[in-house]
Amino acid sequence: MGGGSTATSTVLGPAEGYAAIVDKGEQLVKADPVQILMLSFYAGCFIGFGALLSLTISGNIEGTVMIHGTGVSGYIYAVLFPVNLLFILLSGCILYTGATFTTPAAWIEGRAKIVNVILVISIAWVGNIIGGIFFALLTDLCGLNEGGVARLAVSVLRSKTSKSFFVILLRGIGCNWLVSMAVYLCSMAQDMTGKYVAIVFPISTFVACGFEHYPANAYALPLGYLASLKDEYTIPGVELPGLVEIFGLNLIPCSIGNLISGVIVMACGFSYFFGVLRHSACVHFVQGGERIKDGADIPQLAALDNFRKQVSGGGNPSVPVPISSAAKGETPFSNIVPVPANSALPAVPPDSKPEALAWIEAISGSNQDFTRSVSC
């Protein structure tokens, strides 16, 4: 009863979560452009893995579930799709949609230049579509773009190019609102399980609702186009969309919608909640009975500095001591669980710790840096 240990949360608060987003954006604009391109290319391929999984299961199960309505097939597609975001967010790869949130947030908070922000977003857009088209070609060459997969891919192609430019743009806004929320929630979670939970629900929601995601469409639509070139999947009397329709009626308006959502809805919105926009001179902000005057010092994002202290292990007694400090005789868990002074357990010499214990301490020591290491 009443143990003396202290509990630590594995979830950052909302302000600290936004600080983690800003930090990600700042690190991203400092990265080498070639590295950004390759990470974006890989992200486009990973999107293909999740989409192919959804197409394979959902496309071949329609006959079984059709008696229950098309919603069941759509639900299965939506539930399976988020596996690709797990690959992307935890491997450090870069999606165009996430970059439209993290890098503008860093610029708003004065941590990045607008030129670099535009460069990162543009490279991510190009890398994602190259990866998507490459994986669509790979899928087709593997003989996986057949049967139920091909039929569903053609159906997706027709559906996503049959709406107006404005409708797709609006659906793009709704999509990246949810995708960026997945990135934000994933940044708040500090362990693998929490990050996956943060990913699954927002992503499956946007898929099930029918919003438009540029990186996903950059794979699905080329795959549908490749299937439509085969005689067995053509529809008599119906002209299937070509490359002009794919870009003009979907990928371009979808990209614009995703950009609007990432920059305005998420970056500007959360900066107003937790960052400098809350104290901007253009906002009639009252503090202590007086509005902040033009030219006055704008408060900086204190949560970002605190977050950096956490990931570096300094200035926060709840942060575990890194494993490298064990050589100095420090106890890595002493700052988390206080050891009673009358404890009968002998101290383990730093240089003779079992391998398993050292491994656990290494995880504990670097866990606070987990948020910073994942990408967007």
Foldseek 3Di string as FASTA:
>chain_A
DDDPFDDDDQFADLLLLLLLLLLQLLVLLPDDLVVLLQLLLVLLQLLVVQQLVLQVVLLVCCVVCCVVPSLVSLLSSLQSRLVSVLVNQQVAGDALLSLLARNLLNVVQVSDDPVSSVSSSVSSLVSLLNNQLVNLVVCVVVVNCDDSSLLVLLVVLQVQLVDALVVLLQLLLVLSLLVNQLLSQLLRGLDSVSNSVSRRPSRSVSSSVPRADQSSLSNSNSNNQVSCVDPVNDDPPDDGDDPCSSVVRHNPSSSNSSSCNNNPVRSVVVCCVQAQNVLDPVDQDDDPNDRDDPPDDGDHRVSNVVLVCQQVVHPDLCQFAALVCLVVVDDRCCSRTPDDPPDPDDDDRSVPDDPVVSVVSNCSNRSSCSSNSTHD
